[in-house]
């Protein structure tokens, strides 16, 4: 049950996925 993972999270203006919002890494 214990997990370790890299996570990237950022806000959006709506419900559409926006790749440009993610950092390059």
PDBML (XML) file of the C-alpha atoms, coordinates in Angstrom:
<?xml version="1.0" encoding="UTF-8" ?>
<PDBx:datablock datablockName="MODEL"
   xmlns:PDBx="http://pdbml.pdb.org/schema/pdbx-v50.xsd"
   xmlns:xsi="http://www.w3.org/2001/XMLSchema-instance"
   xsi:schemaLocation="http://pdbml.pdb.org/schema/pdbx-v50.xsd pdbx-v50.xsd">
   <PDBx:atom_siteCategory>
      <PDBx:atom_site id="1">
         <PDBx:B_iso_or_equiv>0.00</PDBx:B_iso_or_equiv>
         <PDBx:Cartn_x>0.000</PDBx:Cartn_x>
         <PDBx:Cartn_y>0.000</PDBx:Cartn_y>
         <PDBx:Cartn_z>0.000</PDBx:Cartn_z>
         <PDBx:auth_asym_id>A</PDBx:auth_asym_id>
         <PDBx:auth_atom_id>CA</PDBx:auth_atom_id>
         <PDBx:auth_comp_id>UNK</PDBx:auth_comp_id>
         <PDBx:auth_seq_id>1</PDBx:auth_seq_id>
         <PDBx:group_PDB>ATOM</PDBx:group_PDB>
         <PDBx:label_alt_id xsi:nil="true" />
         <PDBx:label_asym_id>A</PDBx:label_asym_id>
         <PDBx:label_atom_id>CA</PDBx:label_atom_id>
         <PDBx:label_comp_id>UNK</PDBx:label_comp_id>
         <PDBx:label_entity_id>1</PDBx:label_entity_id>
         <PDBx:label_seq_id>1</PDBx:label_seq_id>
         <PDBx:occupancy>1.00</PDBx:occupancy>
         <PDBx:pdbx_PDB_model_num>1</PDBx:pdbx_PDB_model_num>
         <PDBx:type_symbol>C</PDBx:type_symbol>
      </PDBx:atom_site>
      <PDBx:atom_site id="2">
         <PDBx:B_iso_or_equiv>0.00</PDBx:B_iso_or_equiv>
         <PDBx:Cartn_x>2.973</PDBx:Cartn_x>
         <PDBx:Cartn_y>2.381</PDBx:Cartn_y>
         <PDBx:Cartn_z>0.373</PDBx:Cartn_z>
         <PDBx:auth_asym_id>A</PDBx:auth_asym_id>
         <PDBx:auth_atom_id>CA</PDBx:auth_atom_id>
         <PDBx:auth_comp_id>UNK</PDBx:auth_comp_id>
         <PDBx:auth_seq_id>2</PDBx:auth_seq_id>
         <PDBx:group_PDB>ATOM</PDBx:group_PDB>
         <PDBx:label_alt_id xsi:nil="true" />
         <PDBx:label_asym_id>A</PDBx:label_asym_id>
         <PDBx:label_atom_id>CA</PDBx:label_atom_id>
         <PDBx:label_comp_id>UNK</PDBx:label_comp_id>
         <PDBx:label_entity_id>1</PDBx:label_entity_id>
         <PDBx:label_seq_id>2</PDBx:label_seq_id>
         <PDBx:occupancy>1.00</PDBx:occupancy>
         <PDBx:pdbx_PDB_model_num>1</PDBx:pdbx_PDB_model_num>
         <PDBx:type_symbol>C</PDBx:type_symbol>
      </PDBx:atom_site>
      <PDBx:atom_site id="3">
         <PDBx:B_iso_or_equiv>0.00</PDBx:B_iso_or_equiv>
         <PDBx:Cartn_x>3.940</PDBx:Cartn_x>
         <PDBx:Cartn_y>4.132</PDBx:Cartn_y>
         <PDBx:Cartn_z>-2.862</PDBx:Cartn_z>
         <PDBx:auth_asym_id>A</PDBx:auth_asym_id>
         <PDBx:auth_atom_id>CA</PDBx:auth_atom_id>
         <PDBx:auth_comp_id>UNK</PDBx:auth_comp_id>
         <PDBx:auth_seq_id>3</PDBx:auth_seq_id>
         <PDBx:group_PDB>ATOM</PDBx:group_PDB>
         <PDBx:label_alt_id xsi:nil="true" />
         <PDBx:label_asym_id>A</PDBx:label_asym_id>
         <PDBx:label_atom_id>CA</PDBx:label_atom_id>
         <PDBx:label_comp_id>UNK</PDBx:label_comp_id>
         <PDBx:label_entity_id>1</PDBx:label_entity_id>
         <PDBx:label_seq_id>3</PDBx:label_seq_id>
         <PDBx:occupancy>1.00</PDBx:occupancy>
         <PDBx:pdbx_PDB_model_num>1</PDBx:pdbx_PDB_model_num>
         <PDBx:type_symbol>C</PDBx:type_symbol>
      </PDBx:atom_site>
      <PDBx:atom_site id="4">
         <PDBx:B_iso_or_equiv>0.00</PDBx:B_iso_or_equiv>
         <PDBx:Cartn_x>6.500</PDBx:Cartn_x>
         <PDBx:Cartn_y>6.710</PDBx:Cartn_y>
         <PDBx:Cartn_z>-3.907</PDBx:Cartn_z>
         <PDBx:auth_asym_id>A</PDBx:auth_asym_id>
         <PDBx:auth_atom_id>CA</PDBx:auth_atom_id>
         <PDBx:auth_comp_id>UNK</PDBx:auth_comp_id>
         <PDBx:auth_seq_id>4</PDBx:auth_seq_id>
         <PDBx:group_PDB>ATOM</PDBx:group_PDB>
         <PDBx:label_alt_id xsi:nil="true" />
         <PDBx:label_asym_id>A</PDBx:label_asym_id>
         <PDBx:label_atom_id>CA</PDBx:label_atom_id>
         <PDBx:label_comp_id>UNK</PDBx:label_comp_id>
         <PDBx:label_entity_id>1</PDBx:label_entity_id>
         <PDBx:label_seq_id>4</PDBx:label_seq_id>
         <PDBx:occupancy>1.00</PDBx:occupancy>
         <PDBx:pdbx_PDB_model_num>1</PDBx:pdbx_PDB_model_num>
         <PDBx:type_symbol>C</PDBx:type_symbol>
      </PDBx:atom_site>
      <PDBx:atom_site id="5">
         <PDBx:B_iso_or_equiv>0.00</PDBx:B_iso_or_equiv>
         <PDBx:Cartn_x>6.005</PDBx:Cartn_x>
         <PDBx:Cartn_y>8.469</PDBx:Cartn_y>
         <PDBx:Cartn_z>-7.227</PDBx:Cartn_z>
         <PDBx:auth_asym_id>A</PDBx:auth_asym_id>
         <PDBx:auth_atom_id>CA</PDBx:auth_atom_id>
         <PDBx:auth_comp_id>UNK</PDBx:auth_comp_id>
         <PDBx:auth_seq_id>5</PDBx:auth_seq_id>
         <PDBx:group_PDB>ATOM</PDBx:group_PDB>
         <PDBx:label_alt_id xsi:nil="true" />
         <PDBx:label_asym_id>A</PDBx:label_asym_id>
         <PDBx:label_atom_id>CA</PDBx:label_atom_id>
         <PDBx:label_comp_id>UNK</PDBx:label_comp_id>
         <PDBx:label_entity_id>1</PDBx:label_entity_id>
         <PDBx:label_seq_id>5</PDBx:label_seq_id>
         <PDBx:occupancy>1.00</PDBx:occupancy>
         <PDBx:pdbx_PDB_model_num>1</PDBx:pdbx_PDB_model_num>
         <PDBx:type_symbol>C</PDBx:type_symbol>
      </PDBx:atom_site>
      <PDBx:atom_site id="6">
         <PDBx:B_iso_or_equiv>0.00</PDBx:B_iso_or_equiv>
         <PDBx:Cartn_x>6.951</PDBx:Cartn_x>
         <PDBx:Cartn_y>11.658</PDBx:Cartn_y>
         <PDBx:Cartn_z>-9.029</PDBx:Cartn_z>
         <PDBx:auth_asym_id>A</PDBx:auth_asym_id>
         <PDBx:auth_atom_id>CA</PDBx:auth_atom_id>
         <PDBx:auth_comp_id>UNK</PDBx:auth_comp_id>
         <PDBx:auth_seq_id>6</PDBx:auth_seq_id>
         <PDBx:group_PDB>ATOM</PDBx:group_PDB>
         <PDBx:label_alt_id xsi:nil="true" />
         <PDBx:label_asym_id>A</PDBx:label_asym_id>
         <PDBx:label_atom_id>CA</PDBx:label_atom_id>
         <PDBx:label_comp_id>UNK</PDBx:label_comp_id>
         <PDBx:label_entity_id>1</PDBx:label_entity_id>
         <PDBx:label_seq_id>6</PDBx:label_seq_id>
         <PDBx:occupancy>1.00</PDBx:occupancy>
         <PDBx:pdbx_PDB_model_num>1</PDBx:pdbx_PDB_model_num>
         <PDBx:type_symbol>C</PDBx:type_symbol>
      </PDBx:atom_site>
      <PDBx:atom_site id="7">
         <PDBx:B_iso_or_equiv>0.00</PDBx:B_iso_or_equiv>
         <PDBx:Cartn_x>3.916</PDBx:Cartn_x>
         <PDBx:Cartn_y>13.911</PDBx:Cartn_y>
         <PDBx:Cartn_z>-9.464</PDBx:Cartn_z>
         <PDBx:auth_asym_id>A</PDBx:auth_asym_id>
         <PDBx:auth_atom_id>CA</PDBx:auth_atom_id>
         <PDBx:auth_comp_id>UNK</PDBx:auth_comp_id>
         <PDBx:auth_seq_id>7</PDBx:auth_seq_id>
         <PDBx:group_PDB>ATOM</PDBx:group_PDB>
         <PDBx:label_alt_id xsi:nil="true" />
         <PDBx:label_asym_id>A</PDBx:label_asym_id>
         <PDBx:label_atom_id>CA</PDBx:label_atom_id>
         <PDBx:label_comp_id>UNK</PDBx:label_comp_id>
         <PDBx:label_entity_id>1</PDBx:label_entity_id>
         <PDBx:label_seq_id>7</PDBx:label_seq_id>
         <PDBx:occupancy>1.00</PDBx:occupancy>
         <PDBx:pdbx_PDB_model_num>1</PDBx:pdbx_PDB_model_num>
         <PDBx:type_symbol>C</PDBx:type_symbol>
      </PDBx:atom_site>
      <PDBx:atom_site id="8">
         <PDBx:B_iso_or_equiv>0.00</PDBx:B_iso_or_equiv>
         <PDBx:Cartn_x>3.339</PDBx:Cartn_x>
         <PDBx:Cartn_y>17.040</PDBx:Cartn_y>
         <PDBx:Cartn_z>-11.567</PDBx:Cartn_z>
         <PDBx:auth_asym_id>A</PDBx:auth_asym_id>
         <PDBx:auth_atom_id>CA</PDBx:auth_atom_id>
         <PDBx:auth_comp_id>UNK</PDBx:auth_comp_id>
         <PDBx:auth_seq_id>8</PDBx:auth_seq_id>
         <PDBx:group_PDB>ATOM</PDBx:group_PDB>
         <PDBx:label_alt_id xsi:nil="true" />
         <PDBx:label_asym_id>A</PDBx:label_asym_id>
         <PDBx:label_atom_id>CA</PDBx:label_atom_id>
         <PDBx:label_comp_id>UNK</PDBx:label_comp_id>
         <PDBx:label_entity_id>1</PDBx:label_entity_id>
         <PDBx:label_seq_id>8</PDBx:label_seq_id>
         <PDBx:occupancy>1.00</PDBx:occupancy>
         <PDBx:pdbx_PDB_model_num>1</PDBx:pdbx_PDB_model_num>
         <PDBx:type_symbol>C</PDBx:type_symbol>
      </PDBx:atom_site>
      <PDBx:atom_site id="9">
         <PDBx:B_iso_or_equiv>0.00</PDBx:B_iso_or_equiv>
         <PDBx:Cartn_x>0.154</PDBx:Cartn_x>
         <PDBx:Cartn_y>19.015</PDBx:Cartn_y>
         <PDBx:Cartn_z>-10.926</PDBx:Cartn_z>
         <PDBx:auth_asym_id>A</PDBx:auth_asym_id>
         <PDBx:auth_atom_id>CA</PDBx:auth_atom_id>
         <PDBx:auth_comp_id>UNK</PDBx:auth_comp_id>
         <PDBx:auth_seq_id>9</PDBx:auth_seq_id>
         <PDBx:group_PDB>ATOM</PDBx:group_PDB>
         <PDBx:label_alt_id xsi:nil="true" />
         <PDBx:label_asym_id>A</PDBx:label_asym_id>
         <PDBx:label_atom_id>CA</PDBx:label_atom_id>
         <PDBx:label_comp_id>UNK</PDBx:label_comp_id>
         <PDBx:label_entity_id>1</PDBx:label_entity_id>
         <PDBx:label_seq_id>9</PDBx:label_seq_id>
         <PDBx:occupancy>1.00</PDBx:occupancy>
         <PDBx:pdbx_PDB_model_num>1</PDBx:pdbx_PDB_model_num>
         <PDBx:type_symbol>C</PDBx:type_symbol>
      </PDBx:atom_site>
      <PDBx:atom_site id="10">
         <PDBx:B_iso_or_equiv>0.00</PDBx:B_iso_or_equiv>
         <PDBx:Cartn_x>-0.918</PDBx:Cartn_x>
         <PDBx:Cartn_y>22.419</PDBx:Cartn_y>
         <PDBx:Cartn_z>-12.276</PDBx:Cartn_z>
         <PDBx:auth_asym_id>A</PDBx:auth_asym_id>
         <PDBx:auth_atom_id>CA</PDBx:auth_atom_id>
         <PDBx:auth_comp_id>UNK</PDBx:auth_comp_id>
         <PDBx:auth_seq_id>10</PDBx:auth_seq_id>
         <PDBx:group_PDB>ATOM</PDBx:group_PDB>
         <PDBx:label_alt_id xsi:nil="true" />
         <PDBx:label_asym_id>A</PDBx:label_asym_id>
         <PDBx:label_atom_id>CA</PDBx:label_atom_id>
         <PDBx:label_comp_id>UNK</PDBx:label_comp_id>
         <PDBx:label_entity_id>1</PDBx:label_entity_id>
         <PDBx:label_seq_id>10</PDBx:label_seq_id>
         <PDBx:occupancy>1.00</PDBx:occupancy>
         <PDBx:pdbx_PDB_model_num>1</PDBx:pdbx_PDB_model_num>
         <PDBx:type_symbol>C</PDBx:type_symbol>
      </PDBx:atom_site>
      <PDBx:atom_site id="11">
         <PDBx:B_iso_or_equiv>0.00</PDBx:B_iso_or_equiv>
         <PDBx:Cartn_x>-4.130</PDBx:Cartn_x>
         <PDBx:Cartn_y>24.445</PDBx:Cartn_y>
         <PDBx:Cartn_z>-12.688</PDBx:Cartn_z>
         <PDBx:auth_asym_id>A</PDBx:auth_asym_id>
         <PDBx:auth_atom_id>CA</PDBx:auth_atom_id>
         <PDBx:auth_comp_id>UNK</PDBx:auth_comp_id>
         <PDBx:auth_seq_id>11</PDBx:auth_seq_id>
         <PDBx:group_PDB>ATOM</PDBx:group_PDB>
         <PDBx:label_alt_id xsi:nil="true" />
         <PDBx:label_asym_id>A</PDBx:label_asym_id>
         <PDBx:label_atom_id>CA</PDBx:label_atom_id>
         <PDBx:label_comp_id>UNK</PDBx:label_comp_id>
         <PDBx:label_entity_id>1</PDBx:label_entity_id>
         <PDBx:label_seq_id>11</PDBx:label_seq_id>
         <PDBx:occupancy>1.00</PDBx:occupancy>
         <PDBx:pdbx_PDB_model_num>1</PDBx:pdbx_PDB_model_num>
         <PDBx:type_symbol>C</PDBx:type_symbol>
      </PDBx:atom_site>
      <PDBx:atom_site id="12">
         <PDBx:B_iso_or_equiv>0.00</PDBx:B_iso_or_equiv>
         <PDBx:Cartn_x>-6.227</PDBx:Cartn_x>
         <PDBx:Cartn_y>24.676</PDBx:Cartn_y>
         <PDBx:Cartn_z>-15.849</PDBx:Cartn_z>
         <PDBx:auth_asym_id>A</PDBx:auth_asym_id>
         <PDBx:auth_atom_id>CA</PDBx:auth_atom_id>
         <PDBx:auth_comp_id>UNK</PDBx:auth_comp_id>
         <PDBx:auth_seq_id>12</PDBx:auth_seq_id>
         <PDBx:group_PDB>ATOM</PDBx:group_PDB>
         <PDBx:label_alt_id xsi:nil="true" />
         <PDBx:label_asym_id>A</PDBx:label_asym_id>
         <PDBx:label_atom_id>CA</PDBx:label_atom_id>
         <PDBx:label_comp_id>UNK</PDBx:label_comp_id>
         <PDBx:label_entity_id>1</PDBx:label_entity_id>
         <PDBx:label_seq_id>12</PDBx:label_seq_id>
         <PDBx:occupancy>1.00</PDBx:occupancy>
         <PDBx:pdbx_PDB_model_num>1</PDBx:pdbx_PDB_model_num>
         <PDBx:type_symbol>C</PDBx:type_symbol>
      </PDBx:atom_site>
      <PDBx:atom_site id="13">
         <PDBx:B_iso_or_equiv>0.00</PDBx:B_iso_or_equiv>
         <PDBx:Cartn_x>-8.681</PDBx:Cartn_x>
         <PDBx:Cartn_y>27.264</PDBx:Cartn_y>
         <PDBx:Cartn_z>-17.139</PDBx:Cartn_z>
         <PDBx:auth_asym_id>A</PDBx:auth_asym_id>
         <PDBx:auth_atom_id>CA</PDBx:auth_atom_id>
         <PDBx:auth_comp_id>UNK</PDBx:auth_comp_id>
         <PDBx:auth_seq_id>13</PDBx:auth_seq_id>
         <PDBx:group_PDB>ATOM</PDBx:group_PDB>
         <PDBx:label_alt_id xsi:nil="true" />
         <PDBx:label_asym_id>A</PDBx:label_asym_id>
         <PDBx:label_atom_id>CA</PDBx:label_atom_id>
         <PDBx:label_comp_id>UNK</PDBx:label_comp_id>
         <PDBx:label_entity_id>1</PDBx:label_entity_id>
         <PDBx:label_seq_id>13</PDBx:label_seq_id>
         <PDBx:occupancy>1.00</PDBx:occupancy>
         <PDBx:pdbx_PDB_model_num>1</PDBx:pdbx_PDB_model_num>
         <PDBx:type_symbol>C</PDBx:type_symbol>
      </PDBx:atom_site>
      <PDBx:atom_site id="14">
         <PDBx:B_iso_or_equiv>0.00</PDBx:B_iso_or_equiv>
         <PDBx:Cartn_x>-11.226</PDBx:Cartn_x>
         <PDBx:Cartn_y>24.567</PDBx:Cartn_y>
         <PDBx:Cartn_z>-18.026</PDBx:Cartn_z>
         <PDBx:auth_asym_id>A</PDBx:auth_asym_id>
         <PDBx:auth_atom_id>CA</PDBx:auth_atom_id>
         <PDBx:auth_comp_id>UNK</PDBx:auth_comp_id>
         <PDBx:auth_seq_id>14</PDBx:auth_seq_id>
         <PDBx:group_PDB>ATOM</PDBx:group_PDB>
         <PDBx:label_alt_id xsi:nil="true" />
         <PDBx:label_asym_id>A</PDBx:label_asym_id>
         <PDBx:label_atom_id>CA</PDBx:label_atom_id>
         <PDBx:label_comp_id>UNK</PDBx:label_comp_id>
         <PDBx:label_entity_id>1</PDBx:label_entity_id>
         <PDBx:label_seq_id>14</PDBx:label_seq_id>
         <PDBx:occupancy>1.00</PDBx:occupancy>
         <PDBx:pdbx_PDB_model_num>1</PDBx:pdbx_PDB_model_num>
         <PDBx:type_symbol>C</PDBx:type_symbol>
      </PDBx:atom_site>
      <PDBx:atom_site id="15">
         <PDBx:B_iso_or_equiv>0.00</PDBx:B_iso_or_equiv>
         <PDBx:Cartn_x>-11.651</PDBx:Cartn_x>
         <PDBx:Cartn_y>20.820</PDBx:Cartn_y>
         <PDBx:Cartn_z>-18.433</PDBx:Cartn_z>
         <PDBx:auth_asym_id>A</PDBx:auth_asym_id>
         <PDBx:auth_atom_id>CA</PDBx:auth_atom_id>
         <PDBx:auth_comp_id>UNK</PDBx:auth_comp_id>
         <PDBx:auth_seq_id>15</PDBx:auth_seq_id>
         <PDBx:group_PDB>ATOM</PDBx:group_PDB>
         <PDBx:label_alt_id xsi:nil="true" />
         <PDBx:label_asym_id>A</PDBx:label_asym_id>
         <PDBx:label_atom_id>CA</PDBx:label_atom_id>
         <PDBx:label_comp_id>UNK</PDBx:label_comp_id>
         <PDBx:label_entity_id>1</PDBx:label_entity_id>
         <PDBx:label_seq_id>15</PDBx:label_seq_id>
         <PDBx:occupancy>1.00</PDBx:occupancy>
         <PDBx:pdbx_PDB_model_num>1</PDBx:pdbx_PDB_model_num>
         <PDBx:type_symbol>C</PDBx:type_symbol>
      </PDBx:atom_site>
      <PDBx:atom_site id="16">
         <PDBx:B_iso_or_equiv>0.00</PDBx:B_iso_or_equiv>
         <PDBx:Cartn_x>-9.386</PDBx:Cartn_x>
         <PDBx:Cartn_y>20.431</PDBx:Cartn_y>
         <PDBx:Cartn_z>-21.477</PDBx:Cartn_z>
         <PDBx:auth_asym_id>A</PDBx:auth_asym_id>
         <PDBx:auth_atom_id>CA</PDBx:auth_atom_id>
         <PDBx:auth_comp_id>UNK</PDBx:auth_comp_id>
         <PDBx:auth_seq_id>16</PDBx:auth_seq_id>
         <PDBx:group_PDB>ATOM</PDBx:group_PDB>
         <PDBx:label_alt_id xsi:nil="true" />
         <PDBx:label_asym_id>A</PDBx:label_asym_id>
         <PDBx:label_atom_id>CA</PDBx:label_atom_id>
         <PDBx:label_comp_id>UNK</PDBx:label_comp_id>
         <PDBx:label_entity_id>1</PDBx:label_entity_id>
         <PDBx:label_seq_id>16</PDBx:label_seq_id>
         <PDBx:occupancy>1.00</PDBx:occupancy>
         <PDBx:pdbx_PDB_model_num>1</PDBx:pdbx_PDB_model_num>
         <PDBx:type_symbol>C</PDBx:type_symbol>
      </PDBx:atom_site>
      <PDBx:atom_site id="17">
         <PDBx:B_iso_or_equiv>0.00</PDBx:B_iso_or_equiv>
         <PDBx:Cartn_x>-5.963</PDBx:Cartn_x>
         <PDBx:Cartn_y>18.815</PDBx:Cartn_y>
         <PDBx:Cartn_z>-21.133</PDBx:Cartn_z>
         <PDBx:auth_asym_id>A</PDBx:auth_asym_id>
         <PDBx:auth_atom_id>CA</PDBx:auth_atom_id>
         <PDBx:auth_comp_id>UNK</PDBx:auth_comp_id>
         <PDBx:auth_seq_id>17</PDBx:auth_seq_id>
         <PDBx:group_PDB>ATOM</PDBx:group_PDB>
         <PDBx:label_alt_id xsi:nil="true" />
         <PDBx:label_asym_id>A</PDBx:label_asym_id>
         <PDBx:label_atom_id>CA</PDBx:label_atom_id>
         <PDBx:label_comp_id>UNK</PDBx:label_comp_id>
         <PDBx:label_entity_id>1</PDBx:label_entity_id>
         <PDBx:label_seq_id>17</PDBx:label_seq_id>
         <PDBx:occupancy>1.00</PDBx:occupancy>
         <PDBx:pdbx_PDB_model_num>1</PDBx:pdbx_PDB_model_num>
         <PDBx:type_symbol>C</PDBx:type_symbol>
      </PDBx:atom_site>
      <PDBx:atom_site id="18">
         <PDBx:B_iso_or_equiv>0.00</PDBx:B_iso_or_equiv>
         <PDBx:Cartn_x>-3.194</PDBx:Cartn_x>
         <PDBx:Cartn_y>21.341</PDBx:Cartn_y>
         <PDBx:Cartn_z>-21.884</PDBx:Cartn_z>
         <PDBx:auth_asym_id>A</PDBx:auth_asym_id>
         <PDBx:auth_atom_id>CA</PDBx:auth_atom_id>
         <PDBx:auth_comp_id>UNK</PDBx:auth_comp_id>
         <PDBx:auth_seq_id>18</PDBx:auth_seq_id>
         <PDBx:group_PDB>ATOM</PDBx:group_PDB>
         <PDBx:label_alt_id xsi:nil="true" />
         <PDBx:label_asym_id>A</PDBx:label_asym_id>
         <PDBx:label_atom_id>CA</PDBx:label_atom_id>
         <PDBx:label_comp_id>UNK</PDBx:label_comp_id>
         <PDBx:label_entity_id>1</PDBx:label_entity_id>
         <PDBx:label_seq_id>18</PDBx:label_seq_id>
         <PDBx:occupancy>1.00</PDBx:occupancy>
         <PDBx:pdbx_PDB_model_num>1</PDBx:pdbx_PDB_model_num>
         <PDBx:type_symbol>C</PDBx:type_symbol>
      </PDBx:atom_site>
      <PDBx:atom_site id="19">
         <PDBx:B_iso_or_equiv>0.00</PDBx:B_iso_or_equiv>
         <PDBx:Cartn_x>0.281</PDBx:Cartn_x>
         <PDBx:Cartn_y>19.867</PDBx:Cartn_y>
         <PDBx:Cartn_z>-22.455</PDBx:Cartn_z>
         <PDBx:auth_asym_id>A</PDBx:auth_asym_id>
         <PDBx:auth_atom_id>CA</PDBx:auth_atom_id>
         <PDBx:auth_comp_id>UNK</PDBx:auth_comp_id>
         <PDBx:auth_seq_id>19</PDBx:auth_seq_id>
         <PDBx:group_PDB>ATOM</PDBx:group_PDB>
         <PDBx:label_alt_id xsi:nil="true" />
         <PDBx:label_asym_id>A</PDBx:label_asym_id>
         <PDBx:label_atom_id>CA</PDBx:label_atom_id>
         <PDBx:label_comp_id>UNK</PDBx:label_comp_id>
         <PDBx:label_entity_id>1</PDBx:label_entity_id>
         <PDBx:label_seq_id>19</PDBx:label_seq_id>
         <PDBx:occupancy>1.00</PDBx:occupancy>
         <PDBx:pdbx_PDB_model_num>1</PDBx:pdbx_PDB_model_num>
         <PDBx:type_symbol>C</PDBx:type_symbol>
      </PDBx:atom_site>
      <PDBx:atom_site id="20">
         <PDBx:B_iso_or_equiv>0.00</PDBx:B_iso_or_equiv>
         <PDBx:Cartn_x>1.852</PDBx:Cartn_x>
         <PDBx:Cartn_y>23.327</PDBx:Cartn_y>
         <PDBx:Cartn_z>-22.521</PDBx:Cartn_z>
         <PDBx:auth_asym_id>A</PDBx:auth_asym_id>
         <PDBx:auth_atom_id>CA</PDBx:auth_atom_id>
         <PDBx:auth_comp_id>UNK</PDBx:auth_comp_id>
         <PDBx:auth_seq_id>20</PDBx:auth_seq_id>
         <PDBx:group_PDB>ATOM</PDBx:group_PDB>
         <PDBx:label_alt_id xsi:nil="true" />
         <PDBx:label_asym_id>A</PDBx:label_asym_id>
         <PDBx:label_atom_id>CA</PDBx:label_atom_id>
         <PDBx:label_comp_id>UNK</PDBx:label_comp_id>
         <PDBx:label_entity_id>1</PDBx:label_entity_id>
         <PDBx:label_seq_id>20</PDBx:label_seq_id>
         <PDBx:occupancy>1.00</PDBx:occupancy>
         <PDBx:pdbx_PDB_model_num>1</PDBx:pdbx_PDB_model_num>
         <PDBx:type_symbol>C</PDBx:type_symbol>
      </PDBx:atom_site>
      <PDBx:atom_site id="21">
         <PDBx:B_iso_or_equiv>0.00</PDBx:B_iso_or_equiv>
         <PDBx:Cartn_x>0.992</PDBx:Cartn_x>
         <PDBx:Cartn_y>23.779</PDBx:Cartn_y>
         <PDBx:Cartn_z>-18.842</PDBx:Cartn_z>
         <PDBx:auth_asym_id>A</PDBx:auth_asym_id>
         <PDBx:auth_atom_id>CA</PDBx:auth_atom_id>
         <PDBx:auth_comp_id>UNK</PDBx:auth_comp_id>
         <PDBx:auth_seq_id>21</PDBx:auth_seq_id>
         <PDBx:group_PDB>ATOM</PDBx:group_PDB>
         <PDBx:label_alt_id xsi:nil="true" />
         <PDBx:label_asym_id>A</PDBx:label_asym_id>
         <PDBx:label_atom_id>CA</PDBx:label_atom_id>
         <PDBx:label_comp_id>UNK</PDBx:label_comp_id>
         <PDBx:label_entity_id>1</PDBx:label_entity_id>
         <PDBx:label_seq_id>21</PDBx:label_seq_id>
         <PDBx:occupancy>1.00</PDBx:occupancy>
         <PDBx:pdbx_PDB_model_num>1</PDBx:pdbx_PDB_model_num>
         <PDBx:type_symbol>C</PDBx:type_symbol>
      </PDBx:atom_site>
      <PDBx:atom_site id="22">
         <PDBx:B_iso_or_equiv>0.00</PDBx:B_iso_or_equiv>
         <PDBx:Cartn_x>3.258</PDBx:Cartn_x>
         <PDBx:Cartn_y>20.907</PDBx:Cartn_y>
         <PDBx:Cartn_z>-17.858</PDBx:Cartn_z>
         <PDBx:auth_asym_id>A</PDBx:auth_asym_id>
         <PDBx:auth_atom_id>CA</PDBx:auth_atom_id>
         <PDBx:auth_comp_id>UNK</PDBx:auth_comp_id>
         <PDBx:auth_seq_id>22</PDBx:auth_seq_id>
         <PDBx:group_PDB>ATOM</PDBx:group_PDB>
         <PDBx:label_alt_id xsi:nil="true" />
         <PDBx:label_asym_id>A</PDBx:label_asym_id>
         <PDBx:label_atom_id>CA</PDBx:label_atom_id>
         <PDBx:label_comp_id>UNK</PDBx:label_comp_id>
         <PDBx:label_entity_id>1</PDBx:label_entity_id>
         <PDBx:label_seq_id>22</PDBx:label_seq_id>
         <PDBx:occupancy>1.00</PDBx:occupancy>
         <PDBx:pdbx_PDB_model_num>1</PDBx:pdbx_PDB_model_num>
         <PDBx:type_symbol>C</PDBx:type_symbol>
      </PDBx:atom_site>
      <PDBx:atom_site id="23">
         <PDBx:B_iso_or_equiv>0.00</PDBx:B_iso_or_equiv>
         <PDBx:Cartn_x>6.966</PDBx:Cartn_x>
         <PDBx:Cartn_y>21.674</PDBx:Cartn_y>
         <PDBx:Cartn_z>-17.331</PDBx:Cartn_z>
         <PDBx:auth_asym_id>A</PDBx:auth_asym_id>
         <PDBx:auth_atom_id>CA</PDBx:auth_atom_id>
         <PDBx:auth_comp_id>UNK</PDBx:auth_comp_id>
         <PDBx:auth_seq_id>23</PDBx:auth_seq_id>
         <PDBx:group_PDB>ATOM</PDBx:group_PDB>
         <PDBx:label_alt_id xsi:nil="true" />
         <PDBx:label_asym_id>A</PDBx:label_asym_id>
         <PDBx:label_atom_id>CA</PDBx:label_atom_id>
         <PDBx:label_comp_id>UNK</PDBx:label_comp_id>
         <PDBx:label_entity_id>1</PDBx:label_entity_id>
         <PDBx:label_seq_id>23</PDBx:label_seq_id>
         <PDBx:occupancy>1.00</PDBx:occupancy>
         <PDBx:pdbx_PDB_model_num>1</PDBx:pdbx_PDB_model_num>
         <PDBx:type_symbol>C</PDBx:type_symbol>
      </PDBx:atom_site>
      <PDBx:atom_site id="24">
         <PDBx:B_iso_or_equiv>0.00</PDBx:B_iso_or_equiv>
         <PDBx:Cartn_x>9.393</PDBx:Cartn_x>
         <PDBx:Cartn_y>20.130</PDBx:Cartn_y>
         <PDBx:Cartn_z>-19.844</PDBx:Cartn_z>
         <PDBx:auth_asym_id>A</PDBx:auth_asym_id>
         <PDBx:auth_atom_id>CA</PDBx:auth_atom_id>
         <PDBx:auth_comp_id>UNK</PDBx:auth_comp_id>
         <PDBx:auth_seq_id>24</PDBx:auth_seq_id>
         <PDBx:group_PDB>ATOM</PDBx:group_PDB>
         <PDBx:label_alt_id xsi:nil="true" />
         <PDBx:label_asym_id>A</PDBx:label_asym_id>
         <PDBx:label_atom_id>CA</PDBx:label_atom_id>
         <PDBx:label_comp_id>UNK</PDBx:label_comp_id>
         <PDBx:label_entity_id>1</PDBx:label_entity_id>
         <PDBx:label_seq_id>24</PDBx:label_seq_id>
         <PDBx:occupancy>1.00</PDBx:occupancy>
         <PDBx:pdbx_PDB_model_num>1</PDBx:pdbx_PDB_model_num>
         <PDBx:type_symbol>C</PDBx:type_symbol>
      </PDBx:atom_site>
      <PDBx:atom_site id="25">
         <PDBx:B_iso_or_equiv>0.00</PDBx:B_iso_or_equiv>
         <PDBx:Cartn_x>10.513</PDBx:Cartn_x>
         <PDBx:Cartn_y>17.418</PDBx:Cartn_y>
         <PDBx:Cartn_z>-17.412</PDBx:Cartn_z>
         <PDBx:auth_asym_id>A</PDBx:auth_asym_id>
         <PDBx:auth_atom_id>CA</PDBx:auth_atom_id>
         <PDBx:auth_comp_id>UNK</PDBx:auth_comp_id>
         <PDBx:auth_seq_id>25</PDBx:auth_seq_id>
         <PDBx:group_PDB>ATOM</PDBx:group_PDB>
         <PDBx:label_alt_id xsi:nil="true" />
         <PDBx:label_asym_id>A</PDBx:label_asym_id>
         <PDBx:label_atom_id>CA</PDBx:label_atom_id>
         <PDBx:label_comp_id>UNK</PDBx:label_comp_id>
         <PDBx:label_entity_id>1</PDBx:label_entity_id>
         <PDBx:label_seq_id>25</PDBx:label_seq_id>
         <PDBx:occupancy>1.00</PDBx:occupancy>
         <PDBx:pdbx_PDB_model_num>1</PDBx:pdbx_PDB_model_num>
         <PDBx:type_symbol>C</PDBx:type_symbol>
      </PDBx:atom_site>
   </PDBx:atom_siteCategory>
</PDBx:datablock>
